[in-house]
Amino acid sequence: MAIERRSTPARPARQGLPLPAVIAIGALAAFGAITLVQWLLASIIGLAKFVLFVVIVVAVAAWVVNTKGRR
């Protein structure tokens, strides 16, 4: 009668990604989040500059029309 021996690994196989992959994914996620925030801020600042430009142009045009109307 032979005894059947099964060898078990010293460590069970770990589920999930290896540590370098987790670090790479985290770094890419952080880079993407920072890029998104920069893009949003740049868009908001660009829109604000455009609105200020339009307000200045309209104010100058109204001032010119008002000045010519007084003559």
Protein backbone atom coordinates (compact mmCIF):
# COMPACT_ATOMS: atom_id res chain seq x y z
CA MET A 1 0.00 0.00 0.00
CA ALA A 2 1.61 3.23 -1.17
CA ILE A 3 0.95 6.53 0.53
CA GLU A 4 0.20 9.29 -1.90
CA ARG A 5 1.98 12.55 -1.04
CA ARG A 6 0.93 15.82 -2.49
CA SER A 7 3.39 18.64 -2.35
CA THR A 8 1.92 21.97 -1.42
CA PRO A 9 3.69 25.17 -2.33
CA ALA A 10 5.37 27.09 0.46
CA ARG A 11 3.21 30.11 -0.33
CA PRO A 12 -0.18 29.96 -1.94
CA ALA A 13 -0.52 31.87 -5.21
CA ARG A 14 -1.43 35.48 -4.52
CA GLN A 15 -4.55 36.82 -6.12
CA GLY A 16 -4.35 40.20 -7.79
CA LEU A 17 -1.67 42.21 -9.50
CA PRO A 18 1.99 42.33 -8.55
CA LEU A 19 3.20 45.38 -6.64
CA PRO A 20 4.98 47.09 -9.58
CA ALA A 21 1.79 46.88 -11.63
CA VAL A 22 -0.24 48.38 -8.78
CA ILE A 23 2.29 51.21 -8.42
CA ALA A 24 2.24 51.86 -12.19
CA ILE A 25 -1.56 51.92 -12.29
CA GLY A 26 -1.68 54.26 -9.29
CA ALA A 27 0.88 56.60 -10.86
CA LEU A 28 -1.03 56.66 -14.14
CA ALA A 29 -4.28 57.37 -12.29
CA ALA A 30 -2.66 60.24 -10.37
CA PHE A 31 -1.15 61.61 -13.59
CA GLY A 32 -4.56 61.45 -15.27
CA ALA A 33 -6.27 63.19 -12.37
CA ILE A 34 -3.68 65.98 -12.31
CA THR A 35 -3.95 66.40 -16.08
CA LEU A 36 -7.74 66.59 -15.85
CA VAL A 37 -7.60 69.25 -13.12
CA GLN A 38 -5.07 71.28 -15.13
CA TRP A 39 -7.25 71.04 -18.24
CA LEU A 40 -10.36 72.12 -16.34
CA LEU A 41 -8.56 75.07 -14.74
CA ALA A 42 -7.09 76.15 -18.08
CA SER A 43 -10.53 75.95 -19.70
CA ILE A 44 -12.15 77.99 -16.94
CA ILE A 45 -9.38 80.62 -17.04
CA GLY A 46 -9.57 80.80 -20.84
CA LEU A 47 -13.33 81.25 -20.70
CA ALA A 48 -12.99 83.98 -18.05
CA LYS A 49 -10.42 85.82 -20.19
CA PHE A 50 -12.74 85.65 -23.20
CA VAL A 51 -15.69 86.96 -21.18
CA LEU A 52 -13.56 89.84 -19.84
CA PHE A 53 -12.43 90.67 -23.37
CA VAL A 54 -16.04 90.76 -24.60
CA VAL A 55 -17.08 92.94 -21.65
CA ILE A 56 -14.23 95.37 -22.36
CA VAL A 57 -15.07 95.55 -26.08
CA VAL A 58 -18.76 96.16 -25.38
CA ALA A 59 -17.93 98.80 -22.74
CA VAL A 60 -15.56 100.65 -25.08
CA ALA A 61 -18.09 100.48 -27.93
CA ALA A 62 -20.83 101.83 -25.65
CA TRP A 63 -18.51 104.60 -24.46
CA VAL A 64 -17.67 105.59 -28.06
CA VAL A 65 -21.34 105.61 -29.06
CA ASN A 66 -22.20 107.64 -25.96
CA THR A 67 -19.41 110.14 -26.66
CA LYS A 68 -20.47 110.60 -30.29
CA GLY A 69 -24.10 110.97 -29.21
CA ARG A 70 -23.30 114.01 -27.04
CA ARG A 71 -21.94 116.06 -29.95
